[in-house]
Amino acid sequence: MQIARVVGDVVSTVKQPALSGHKLLVLQPVRPDRTPIGRALVAVDAAGAGAGEHVFFVRGREASYPFLPAETPVDACVIGIVDHWDVEAS
Protein backbone atom coordinates (compact mmCIF):
# COMPACT_ATOMS: atom_id res chain seq x y z
CA MET A 1 0.00 0.00 0.00
CA GLN A 2 1.00 3.57 -0.60
CA ILE A 3 -0.25 6.92 0.66
CA ALA A 4 -1.38 9.61 -1.77
CA ARG A 5 -3.31 12.83 -1.87
CA VAL A 6 -6.38 13.12 -4.08
CA VAL A 7 -5.62 15.96 -6.49
CA GLY A 8 -8.50 15.59 -8.89
CA ASP A 9 -11.04 13.38 -10.53
CA VAL A 10 -11.66 11.93 -13.97
CA VAL A 11 -15.00 12.17 -15.72
CA SER A 12 -15.60 9.57 -18.40
CA THR A 13 -18.95 9.00 -20.02
CA VAL A 14 -17.66 6.17 -22.19
CA LYS A 15 -15.85 3.38 -20.40
CA GLN A 16 -15.72 -0.36 -19.94
CA PRO A 17 -19.08 -1.52 -18.47
CA ALA A 18 -17.44 -3.03 -15.36
CA LEU A 19 -16.27 0.48 -14.42
CA SER A 20 -19.80 1.88 -14.57
CA GLY A 21 -20.76 3.58 -11.31
CA HIS A 22 -17.18 3.73 -10.01
CA LYS A 23 -15.54 7.09 -9.35
CA LEU A 24 -12.07 7.68 -10.84
CA LEU A 25 -9.62 9.83 -8.87
CA VAL A 26 -6.29 11.42 -9.74
CA LEU A 27 -3.77 10.60 -7.00
CA GLN A 28 -0.40 12.12 -6.24
CA PRO A 29 1.69 9.65 -4.20
CA VAL A 30 3.41 11.27 -1.21
CA ARG A 31 6.37 10.49 1.05
CA PRO A 32 5.85 10.01 4.79
CA ASP A 33 6.70 13.73 5.22
CA ARG A 34 3.80 14.50 2.83
CA THR A 35 5.98 15.73 -0.06
CA PRO A 36 4.98 14.48 -3.52
CA ILE A 37 6.86 11.55 -5.00
CA GLY A 38 6.64 10.13 -8.51
CA ARG A 39 3.98 10.78 -11.09
CA ALA A 40 0.26 11.25 -10.56
CA LEU A 41 -1.97 8.31 -11.47
CA VAL A 42 -5.62 7.44 -11.91
CA ALA A 43 -7.24 5.03 -9.45
CA VAL A 44 -10.73 3.65 -8.94
CA ASP A 45 -12.26 4.74 -5.65
CA ALA A 46 -13.61 2.00 -3.36
CA ALA A 47 -13.64 4.15 -0.22
CA GLY A 48 -15.64 7.29 -1.03
CA ALA A 49 -12.65 9.66 -1.04
CA GLY A 50 -12.67 13.22 -2.32
CA ALA A 51 -10.36 16.00 -3.45
CA GLY A 52 -7.72 17.08 -0.93
CA GLU A 53 -7.96 13.94 1.21
CA HIS A 54 -5.06 11.63 1.92
CA VAL A 55 -5.79 8.03 1.03
CA PHE A 56 -4.02 4.71 0.85
CA PHE A 57 -4.16 2.69 -2.31
CA VAL A 58 -2.99 -0.57 -3.83
CA ARG A 59 -1.66 -1.33 -7.27
CA GLY A 60 -1.60 -4.39 -9.45
CA ARG A 61 -3.87 -7.38 -9.24
CA GLU A 62 -4.94 -6.54 -5.67
CA ALA A 63 -6.56 -3.34 -6.99
CA SER A 64 -9.44 -5.37 -8.39
CA TYR A 65 -10.14 -7.29 -5.15
CA PRO A 66 -12.69 -4.81 -3.72
CA PHE A 67 -14.90 -5.50 -6.74
CA LEU A 68 -14.84 -9.32 -6.65
CA PRO A 69 -16.50 -11.41 -7.93
CA ALA A 70 -16.81 -8.87 -10.75
CA GLU A 71 -13.74 -8.79 -12.97
CA THR A 72 -13.08 -5.06 -12.99
CA PRO A 73 -10.13 -3.95 -15.17
CA VAL A 74 -8.21 -1.76 -12.71
CA ASP A 75 -4.55 -1.52 -11.72
CA ALA A 76 -4.88 1.06 -8.93
CA CYS A 77 -7.60 1.34 -6.29
CA VAL A 78 -8.20 3.62 -3.29
CA ILE A 79 -9.03 1.32 -0.39
CA GLY A 80 -9.04 3.73 2.56
CA ILE A 81 -9.11 7.34 3.68
CA VAL A 82 -6.32 8.41 6.03
CA ASP A 83 -7.44 10.29 9.15
CA HIS A 84 -3.87 11.06 10.22
CA TRP A 85 -0.40 9.50 10.37
CA ASP A 86 2.70 10.01 12.44
CA VAL A 87 6.31 9.31 11.54
CA GLU A 88 9.11 9.28 14.08
CA ALA A 89 12.12 11.39 13.16
CA SER A 90 15.20 9.30 12.36
PDB file of N, CA and C in Angstrom:
ATOM      1  N   MET A   1       0.835  -1.187   0.000  1.00  0.00           N
ATOM      2  CA  MET A   1       0.000   0.000   0.000  1.00  0.00           C
ATOM      3  C   MET A   1       0.871   1.238   0.000  1.00  0.00           C
ATOM      4  N   GLN A   2       0.321   2.293  -0.563  1.00  0.00           N
ATOM      5  CA  GLN A   2       0.998   3.574  -0.603  1.00  0.00           C
ATOM      6  C   GLN A   2       0.022   4.660  -0.164  1.00  0.00           C
ATOM      7  N   ILE A   3       0.577   5.776   0.289  1.00  0.00           N
ATOM      8  CA  ILE A   3      -0.247   6.925   0.661  1.00  0.00           C
ATOM      9  C   ILE A   3      -0.175   7.942  -0.463  1.00  0.00           C
ATOM     10  N   ALA A   4      -1.307   8.583  -0.729  1.00  0.00           N
ATOM     11  CA  ALA A   4      -1.377   9.606  -1.774  1.00  0.00           C
ATOM     12  C   ALA A   4      -2.374  10.673  -1.351  1.00  0.00           C
ATOM     13  N   ARG A   5      -2.309  11.779  -2.063  1.00  0.00           N
ATOM     14  CA  ARG A   5      -3.308  12.834  -1.869  1.00  0.00           C
ATOM     15  C   ARG A   5      -4.171  12.886  -3.127  1.00  0.00           C
ATOM     16  N   VAL A   6      -5.470  13.009  -2.938  1.00  0.00           N
ATOM     17  CA  VAL A   6      -6.382  13.120  -4.080  1.00  0.00           C
ATOM     18  C   VAL A   6      -6.260  14.540  -4.621  1.00  0.00           C
ATOM     19  N   VAL A   7      -5.829  14.642  -5.888  1.00  0.00           N
ATOM     20  CA  VAL A   7      -5.620  15.956  -6.489  1.00  0.00           C
ATOM     21  C   VAL A   7      -6.627  16.261  -7.590  1.00  0.00           C
ATOM     22  N   GLY A   8      -7.512  15.336  -7.869  1.00  0.00           N
ATOM     23  CA  GLY A   8      -8.501  15.588  -8.894  1.00  0.00           C
ATOM     24  C   GLY A   8      -9.360  14.379  -9.166  1.00  0.00           C
ATOM     25  N   ASP A   9     -10.217  14.516 -10.133  1.00  0.00           N
ATOM     26  CA  ASP A   9     -11.037  13.380 -10.533  1.00  0.00           C
ATOM     27  C   ASP A   9     -11.075  13.289 -12.052  1.00  0.00           C
ATOM     28  N   VAL A  10     -11.565  12.171 -12.539  1.00  0.00           N
ATOM     29  CA  VAL A  10     -11.659  11.930 -13.969  1.00  0.00           C
ATOM     30  C   VAL A  10     -13.124  11.674 -14.293  1.00  0.00           C
ATOM     31  N   VAL A  11     -13.630  12.387 -15.262  1.00  0.00           N
ATOM     32  CA  VAL A  11     -15.004  12.168 -15.715  1.00  0.00           C
ATOM     33  C   VAL A  11     -14.934  11.480 -17.062  1.00  0.00           C
ATOM     34  N   SER A  12     -15.600  10.341 -17.167  1.00  0.00           N
ATOM     35  CA  SER A  12     -15.597   9.569 -18.397  1.00  0.00           C
ATOM     36  C   SER A  12     -17.000   9.045 -18.641  1.00  0.00           C
ATOM     37  N   THR A  13     -17.607   9.476 -19.731  1.00  0.00           N
ATOM     38  CA  THR A  13     -18.954   8.995 -20.023  1.00  0.00           C
ATOM     39  C   THR A  13     -18.935   7.704 -20.824  1.00  0.00           C
ATOM     40  N   VAL A  14     -17.788   7.415 -21.440  1.00  0.00           N
ATOM     41  CA  VAL A  14     -17.656   6.169 -22.189  1.00  0.00           C
ATOM     42  C   VAL A  14     -16.533   5.371 -21.554  1.00  0.00           C
ATOM     43  N   LYS A  15     -16.872   4.220 -21.019  1.00  0.00           N
ATOM     44  CA  LYS A  15     -15.849   3.375 -20.395  1.00  0.00           C
ATOM     45  C   LYS A  15     -16.319   1.936 -20.370  1.00  0.00           C
ATOM     46  N   GLN A  16     -15.425   1.059 -20.017  1.00  0.00           N
ATOM     47  CA  GLN A  16     -15.720  -0.357 -19.944  1.00  0.00           C
ATOM     48  C   GLN A  16     -16.889  -0.548 -18.972  1.00  0.00           C
ATOM     49  N   PRO A  17     -17.890  -1.373 -19.317  1.00  0.00           N
ATOM     50  CA  PRO A  17     -19.083  -1.517 -18.473  1.00  0.00           C
ATOM     51  C   PRO A  17     -18.798  -1.889 -17.018  1.00  0.00           C
ATOM     52  N   ALA A  18     -17.745  -2.643 -16.753  1.00  0.00           N
ATOM     53  CA  ALA A  18     -17.438  -3.028 -15.364  1.00  0.00           C
ATOM     54  C   ALA A  18     -17.026  -1.822 -14.517  1.00  0.00           C
ATOM     55  N   LEU A  19     -16.657  -0.722 -15.157  1.00  0.00           N
ATOM     56  CA  LEU A  19     -16.274   0.484 -14.419  1.00  0.00           C
ATOM     57  C   LEU A  19     -17.463   1.415 -14.181  1.00  0.00           C
ATOM     58  N   SER A  20     -18.608   1.046 -14.713  1.00  0.00           N
ATOM     59  CA  SER A  20     -19.800   1.878 -14.569  1.00  0.00           C
ATOM     60  C   SER A  20     -20.147   2.061 -13.097  1.00  0.00           C
ATOM     61  N   GLY A  21     -20.387   3.297 -12.698  1.00  0.00           N
ATOM     62  CA  GLY A  21     -20.757   3.580 -11.312  1.00  0.00           C
ATOM     63  C   GLY A  21     -19.589   3.741 -10.369  1.00  0.00           C
ATOM     64  N   HIS A  22     -18.369   3.574 -10.858  1.00  0.00           N
ATOM     65  CA  HIS A  22     -17.181   3.728 -10.008  1.00  0.00           C
ATOM     66  C   HIS A  22     -16.514   5.064 -10.301  1.00  0.00           C
ATOM     67  N   LYS A  23     -16.196   5.795  -9.225  1.00  0.00           N
ATOM     68  CA  LYS A  23     -15.536   7.093  -9.354  1.00  0.00           C
ATOM     69  C   LYS A  23     -14.045   6.892  -9.627  1.00  0.00           C
ATOM     70  N   LEU A  24     -13.502   7.717 -10.526  1.00  0.00           N
ATOM     71  CA  LEU A  24     -12.075   7.681 -10.839  1.00  0.00           C
ATOM     72  C   LEU A  24     -11.419   8.925 -10.241  1.00  0.00           C
ATOM     73  N   LEU A  25     -10.317   8.727  -9.538  1.00  0.00           N
ATOM     74  CA  LEU A  25      -9.624   9.825  -8.870  1.00  0.00           C
ATOM     75  C   LEU A  25      -8.204   9.965  -9.402  1.00  0.00           C
ATOM     76  N   VAL A  26      -7.693  11.178  -9.414  1.00  0.00           N
ATOM     77  CA  VAL A  26      -6.289  11.419  -9.739  1.00  0.00           C
ATOM     78  C   VAL A  26      -5.544  11.509  -8.408  1.00  0.00           C
ATOM     79  N   LEU A  27      -4.541  10.659  -8.250  1.00  0.00           N
ATOM     80  CA  LEU A  27      -3.772  10.596  -7.005  1.00  0.00           C
ATOM     81  C   LEU A  27      -2.350  11.064  -7.230  1.00  0.00           C
ATOM     82  N   GLN A  28      -1.823  11.786  -6.250  1.00  0.00           N
ATOM     83  CA  GLN A  28      -0.403  12.120  -6.237  1.00  0.00           C
ATOM     84  C   GLN A  28       0.215  11.385  -5.056  1.00  0.00           C
ATOM     85  N   PRO A  29       1.017  10.344  -5.307  1.00  0.00           N
ATOM     86  CA  PRO A  29       1.688   9.654  -4.202  1.00  0.00           C
ATOM     87  C   PRO A  29       2.542  10.633  -3.394  1.00  0.00           C
ATOM     88  N   VAL A  30       2.631  10.396  -2.082  1.00  0.00           N
ATOM     89  CA  VAL A  30       3.411  11.271  -1.206  1.00  0.00           C
ATOM     90  C   VAL A  30       4.349  10.439  -0.326  1.00  0.00           C
ATOM     91  N   ARG A  31       5.434  11.086   0.097  1.00  0.00           N
ATOM     92  CA  ARG A  31       6.367  10.486   1.045  1.00  0.00           C
ATOM     93  C   ARG A  31       5.762  10.584   2.444  1.00  0.00           C
ATOM     94  N   PRO A  32       6.358   9.902   3.413  1.00  0.00           N
ATOM     95  CA  PRO A  32       5.852  10.011   4.790  1.00  0.00           C
ATOM     96  C   PRO A  32       5.832  11.441   5.329  1.00  0.00           C
ATOM     97  N   ASP A  33       6.717  12.323   4.784  1.00  0.00           N
ATOM     98  CA  ASP A  33       6.699  13.728   5.221  1.00  0.00           C
ATOM     99  C   ASP A  33       5.708  14.568   4.406  1.00  0.00           C
ATOM    100  N   ARG A  34       4.887  13.901   3.620  1.00  0.00           N
ATOM    101  CA  ARG A  34       3.803  14.503   2.831  1.00  0.00           C
ATOM    102  C   ARG A  34       4.267  15.235   1.569  1.00  0.00           C
ATOM    103  N   THR A  35       5.531  15.129   1.195  1.00  0.00           N
ATOM    104  CA  THR A  35       5.976  15.730  -0.060  1.00  0.00           C
ATOM    105  C   THR A  35       5.665  14.777  -1.216  1.00  0.00           C
ATOM    106  N   PRO A  36       5.319  15.331  -2.375  1.00  0.00           N
ATOM    107  CA  PRO A  36       4.977  14.481  -3.523  1.00  0.00           C
ATOM    108  C   PRO A  36       6.166  13.627  -3.965  1.00  0.00           C
ATOM    109  N   ILE A  37       5.844  12.444  -4.460  1.00  0.00           N
ATOM    110  CA  ILE A  37       6.858  11.546  -5.001  1.00  0.00           C
ATOM    111  C   ILE A  37       6.289  10.880  -6.244  1.00  0.00           C
ATOM    112  N   GLY A  38       7.075  10.801  -7.298  1.00  0.00           N
ATOM    113  CA  GLY A  38       6.642  10.127  -8.512  1.00  0.00           C
ATOM    114  C   GLY A  38       5.573  10.892  -9.269  1.00  0.00           C
ATOM    115  N   ARG A  39       4.979  10.179 -10.198  1.00  0.00           N
ATOM    116  CA  ARG A  39       3.980  10.780 -11.093  1.00  0.00           C
ATOM    117  C   ARG A  39       2.570  10.518 -10.582  1.00  0.00           C
ATOM    118  N   ALA A  40       1.674  11.434 -10.908  1.00  0.00           N
ATOM    119  CA  ALA A  40       0.265  11.249 -10.558  1.00  0.00           C
ATOM    120  C   ALA A  40      -0.298  10.064 -11.347  1.00  0.00           C
ATOM    121  N   LEU A  41      -1.343   9.464 -10.822  1.00  0.00           N
ATOM    122  CA  LEU A  41      -1.973   8.313 -11.466  1.00  0.00           C
ATOM    123  C   LEU A  41      -3.475   8.355 -11.254  1.00  0.00           C
ATOM    124  N   VAL A  42      -4.165   7.555 -12.040  1.00  0.00           N
ATOM    125  CA  VAL A  42      -5.625   7.442 -11.907  1.00  0.00           C
ATOM    126  C   VAL A  42      -5.936   6.141 -11.179  1.00  0.00           C
ATOM    127  N   ALA A  43      -6.845   6.215 -10.207  1.00  0.00           N
ATOM    128  CA  ALA A  43      -7.244   5.034  -9.447  1.00  0.00           C
ATOM    129  C   ALA A  43      -8.761   5.012  -9.314  1.00  0.00           C
ATOM    130  N   VAL A  44      -9.302   3.818  -9.229  1.00  0.00           N
ATOM    131  CA  VAL A  44     -10.726   3.653  -8.945  1.00  0.00           C
ATOM    132  C   VAL A  44     -10.927   3.814  -7.445  1.00  0.00           C
ATOM    133  N   ASP A  45     -11.997   4.480  -7.065  1.00  0.00           N
ATOM    134  CA  ASP A  45     -12.263   4.735  -5.653  1.00  0.00           C
ATOM    135  C   ASP A  45     -13.209   3.687  -5.079  1.00  0.00           C
ATOM    136  N   ALA A  46     -12.754   2.968  -4.053  1.00  0.00           N
ATOM    137  CA  ALA A  46     -13.609   1.998  -3.362  1.00  0.00           C
ATOM    138  C   ALA A  46     -13.864   2.437  -1.926  1.00  0.00           C
ATOM    139  N   ALA A  47     -13.520   3.700  -1.604  1.00  0.00           N
ATOM    140  CA  ALA A  47     -13.638   4.152  -0.221  1.00  0.00           C
ATOM    141  C   ALA A  47     -14.467   5.423  -0.054  1.00  0.00           C
ATOM    142  N   GLY A  48     -14.853   6.048  -1.136  1.00  0.00           N
ATOM    143  CA  GLY A  48     -15.639   7.287  -1.033  1.00  0.00           C
ATOM    144  C   GLY A  48     -14.791   8.509  -0.757  1.00  0.00           C
ATOM    145  N   ALA A  49     -13.565   8.547  -1.279  1.00  0.00           N
ATOM    146  CA  ALA A  49     -12.651   9.664  -1.043  1.00  0.00           C
ATOM    147  C   ALA A  49     -12.995  10.859  -1.923  1.00  0.00           C
ATOM    148  N   GLY A  50     -12.437  12.017  -1.540  1.00  0.00           N
ATOM    149  CA  GLY A  50     -12.671  13.221  -2.319  1.00  0.00           C
ATOM    150  C   GLY A  50     -11.416  14.068  -2.423  1.00  0.00           C
ATOM    151  N   ALA A  51     -11.499  15.126  -3.200  1.00  0.00           N
ATOM    152  CA  ALA A  51     -10.355  16.002  -3.452  1.00  0.00           C
ATOM    153  C   ALA A  51      -9.766  16.543  -2.153  1.00  0.00           C
ATOM    154  N   GLY A  52      -8.438  16.542  -2.077  1.00  0.00           N
ATOM    155  CA  GLY A  52      -7.720  17.075  -0.931  1.00  0.00           C
ATOM    156  C   GLY A  52      -7.471  16.064   0.179  1.00  0.00           C
ATOM    157  N   GLU A  53      -8.145  14.927   0.156  1.00  0.00           N
ATOM    158  CA  GLU A  53      -7.963  13.938   1.215  1.00  0.00           C
ATOM    159  C   GLU A  53      -6.715  13.094   0.948  1.00  0.00           C
ATOM    160  N   HIS A  54      -6.126  12.614   2.033  1.00  0.00           N
ATOM    161  CA  HIS A  54      -5.058  11.629   1.918  1.00  0.00           C
ATOM    162  C   HIS A  54      -5.700  10.248   1.979  1.00  0.00           C
ATOM    163  N   VAL A  55      -5.215   9.369   1.132  1.00  0.00           N
ATOM    164  CA  VAL A  55      -5.787   8.028   1.026  1.00  0.00           C
ATOM    165  C   VAL A  55      -4.655   7.018   0.971  1.00  0.00           C
ATOM    166  N   PHE A  56      -4.979   5.751   1.175  1.00  0.00           N
ATOM    167  CA  PHE A  56      -4.017   4.714   0.849  1.00  0.00           C
ATOM    168  C   PHE A  56      -4.619   3.873  -0.269  1.00  0.00           C
ATOM    169  N   PHE A  57      -3.708   3.399  -1.122  1.00  0.00           N
ATOM    170  CA  PHE A  57      -4.155   2.690  -2.311  1.00  0.00           C
ATOM    171  C   PHE A  57      -3.242   1.515  -2.594  1.00  0.00           C
ATOM    172  N   VAL A  58      -3.763   0.599  -3.405  1.00  0.00           N
ATOM    173  CA  VAL A  58      -2.991  -0.565  -3.831  1.00  0.00           C
ATOM    174  C   VAL A  58      -2.899  -0.545  -5.346  1.00  0.00           C
ATOM    175  N   ARG A  59      -1.876  -1.217  -5.825  1.00  0.00           N
ATOM    176  CA  ARG A  59      -1.659  -1.325  -7.269  1.00  0.00           C
ATOM    177  C   ARG A  59      -1.566  -2.793  -7.653  1.00  0.00           C
ATOM    178  N   GLY A  60      -1.736  -3.033  -8.935  1.00  0.00           N
ATOM    179  CA  GLY A  60      -1.596  -4.385  -9.448  1.00  0.00           C
ATOM    180  C   GLY A  60      -2.880  -5.186  -9.290  1.00  0.00           C
ATOM    181  N   ARG A  61      -2.728  -6.479  -9.287  1.00  0.00           N
ATOM    182  CA  ARG A  61      -3.875  -7.382  -9.238  1.00  0.00           C
ATOM    183  C   ARG A  61      -4.770  -7.128  -8.028  1.00  0.00           C
ATOM    184  N   GLU A  62      -4.166  -6.775  -6.896  1.00  0.00           N
ATOM    185  CA  GLU A  62      -4.938  -6.537  -5.670  1.00  0.00           C
ATOM    186  C   GLU A  62      -5.922  -5.373  -5.833  1.00  0.00           C
ATOM    187  N   ALA A  63      -5.683  -4.499  -6.786  1.00  0.00           N
ATOM    188  CA  ALA A  63      -6.562  -3.345  -6.988  1.00  0.00           C
ATOM    189  C   ALA A  63      -7.967  -3.764  -7.406  1.00  0.00           C
ATOM    190  N   SER A  64      -8.104  -4.930  -7.954  1.00  0.00           N
ATOM    191  CA  SER A  64      -9.436  -5.372  -8.394  1.00  0.00           C
ATOM    192  C   SER A  64     -10.185  -6.127  -7.298  1.00  0.00           C
ATOM    193  N   TYR A  65      -9.515  -6.481  -6.195  1.00  0.00           N
ATOM    194  CA  TYR A  65     -10.140  -7.291  -5.151  1.00  0.00           C
ATOM    195  C   TYR A  65     -11.397  -6.667  -4.534  1.00  0.00           C
ATOM    196  N   PRO A  66     -11.469  -5.350  -4.313  1.00  0.00           N
ATOM    197  CA  PRO A  66     -12.694  -4.812  -3.719  1.00  0.00           C
ATOM    198  C   PRO A  66     -13.938  -5.033  -4.572  1.00  0.00           C
ATOM    199  N   PHE A  67     -13.760  -5.376  -5.841  1.00  0.00           N
ATOM    200  CA  PHE A  67     -14.903  -5.504  -6.742  1.00  0.00           C
ATOM    201  C   PHE A  67     -15.251  -6.956  -7.043  1.00  0.00           C
ATOM    202  N   LEU A  68     -14.547  -7.896  -6.430  1.00  0.00           N
ATOM    203  CA  LEU A  68     -14.835  -9.316  -6.654  1.00  0.00           C
ATOM    204  C   LEU A  68     -16.264  -9.628  -6.236  1.00  0.00           C
ATOM    205  N   PRO A  69     -16.976 -10.517  -6.883  1.00  0.00           N
ATOM    206  CA  PRO A  69     -16.503 -11.412  -7.929  1.00  0.00           C
ATOM    207  C   PRO A  69     -16.478 -10.786  -9.322  1.00  0.00           C
ATOM    208  N   ALA A  70     -16.900  -9.516  -9.439  1.00  0.00           N
ATOM    209  CA  ALA A  70     -16.808  -8.873 -10.749  1.00  0.00           C
ATOM    210  C   ALA A  70     -15.340  -8.773 -11.168  1.00  0.00           C
ATOM    211  N   GLU A  71     -15.092  -8.919 -12.441  1.00  0.00           N
ATOM    212  CA  GLU A  71     -13.737  -8.788 -12.973  1.00  0.00           C
ATOM    213  C   GLU A  71     -13.578  -7.378 -13.518  1.00  0.00           C
ATOM    214  N   THR A  72     -13.203  -6.466 -12.640  1.00  0.00           N
ATOM    215  CA  THR A  72     -13.077  -5.057 -12.992  1.00  0.00           C
ATOM    216  C   THR A  72     -11.653  -4.775 -13.445  1.00  0.00           C
ATOM    217  N   PRO A  73     -11.472  -4.178 -14.620  1.00  0.00           N
ATOM    218  CA  PRO A  73     -10.130  -3.953 -15.167  1.00  0.00           C
ATOM    219  C   PRO A  73      -9.466  -2.718 -14.556  1.00  0.00           C
ATOM    220  N   VAL A  74      -8.890  -2.871 -13.371  1.00  0.00           N
ATOM    221  CA  VAL A  74      -8.209  -1.756 -12.705  1.00  0.00           C
ATOM    222  C   VAL A  74      -6.813  -2.188 -12.282  1.00  0.00           C
ATOM    223  N   ASP A  75      -5.894  -1.226 -12.222  1.00  0.00           N
ATOM    224  CA  ASP A  75      -4.551  -1.522 -11.720  1.00  0.00           C
ATOM    225  C   ASP A  75      -4.167  -0.621 -10.556  1.00  0.00           C
ATOM    226  N   ALA A  76      -5.095   0.249 -10.125  1.00  0.00           N
ATOM    227  CA  ALA A  76      -4.877   1.057  -8.926  1.00  0.00           C
ATOM    228  C   ALA A  76      -6.238   1.324  -8.296  1.00  0.00           C
ATOM    229  N   CYS A  77      -6.309   1.192  -6.969  1.00  0.00           N
ATOM    230  CA  CYS A  77      -7.598   1.341  -6.287  1.00  0.00           C
ATOM    231  C   CYS A  77      -7.393   1.989  -4.921  1.00  0.00           C
ATOM    232  N   VAL A  78      -8.195   3.008  -4.623  1.00  0.00           N
ATOM    233  CA  VAL A  78      -8.204   3.621  -3.289  1.00  0.00           C
ATOM    234  C   VAL A  78      -8.990   2.697  -2.378  1.00  0.00           C
ATOM    235  N   ILE A  79      -8.355   2.258  -1.290  1.00  0.00           N
ATOM    236  CA  ILE A  79      -9.031   1.318  -0.390  1.00  0.00           C
ATOM    237  C   ILE A  79      -9.236   1.893   1.004  1.00  0.00           C
ATOM    238  N   GLY A  80      -8.801   3.132   1.246  1.00  0.00           N
ATOM    239  CA  GLY A  80      -9.037   3.732   2.556  1.00  0.00           C
ATOM    240  C   GLY A  80      -8.716   5.207   2.563  1.00  0.00           C
ATOM    241  N   ILE A  81      -9.356   5.912   3.487  1.00  0.00           N
ATOM    242  CA  ILE A  81      -9.110   7.339   3.677  1.00  0.00           C
ATOM    243  C   ILE A  81      -8.309   7.492   4.962  1.00  0.00           C
ATOM    244  N   VAL A  82      -7.208   8.235   4.883  1.00  0.00           N
ATOM    245  CA  VAL A  82      -6.316   8.406   6.030  1.00  0.00           C
ATOM    246  C   VAL A  82      -6.845   9.543   6.918  1.00  0.00           C
ATOM    247  N   ASP A  83      -7.052   9.252   8.195  1.00  0.00           N
ATOM    248  CA  ASP A  83      -7.438  10.294   9.151  1.00  0.00           C
ATOM    249  C   ASP A  83      -6.209  11.098   9.568  1.00  0.00           C
ATOM    250  N   HIS A  84      -5.134  10.416   9.899  1.00  0.00           N
ATOM    251  CA  HIS A  84      -3.869  11.062  10.217  1.00  0.00           C
ATOM    252  C   HIS A  84      -2.782   9.997  10.247  1.00  0.00           C
ATOM    253  N   TRP A  85      -1.511  10.418  10.176  1.00  0.00           N
ATOM    254  CA  TRP A  85      -0.399   9.498  10.368  1.00  0.00           C
ATOM    255  C   TRP A  85       0.739  10.241  11.014  1.00  0.00           C
ATOM    256  N   ASP A  86       1.544   9.479  11.729  1.00  0.00           N
ATOM    257  CA  ASP A  86       2.702  10.005  12.436  1.00  0.00           C
ATOM    258  C   ASP A  86       3.929   9.232  11.998  1.00  0.00           C
ATOM    259  N   VAL A  87       5.036   9.928  11.884  1.00  0.00           N
ATOM    260  CA  VAL A  87       6.309   9.311  11.539  1.00  0.00           C
ATOM    261  C   VAL A  87       7.340   9.810  12.526  1.00  0.00           C
ATOM    262  N   GLU A  88       8.060   8.884  13.157  1.00  0.00           N
ATOM    263  CA  GLU A  88       9.112   9.278  14.082  1.00  0.00           C
ATOM    264  C   GLU A  88      10.303   9.795  13.300  1.00  0.00           C
ATOM    265  N   ALA A  89      10.915  10.854  13.796  1.00  0.00           N
ATOM    266  CA  ALA A  89      12.121  11.389  13.160  1.00  0.00           C
ATOM    267  C   ALA A  89      13.251  10.391  13.316  1.00  0.00           C
ATOM    268  N   SER A  90      14.078  10.251  12.266  1.00  0.00           N
ATOM    269  CA  SER A  90      15.201   9.304  12.357  1.00  0.00           C
ATOM    270  C   SER A  90      16.509  10.028  12.479  1.00  0.00           C
TER     271      SER A  90
END
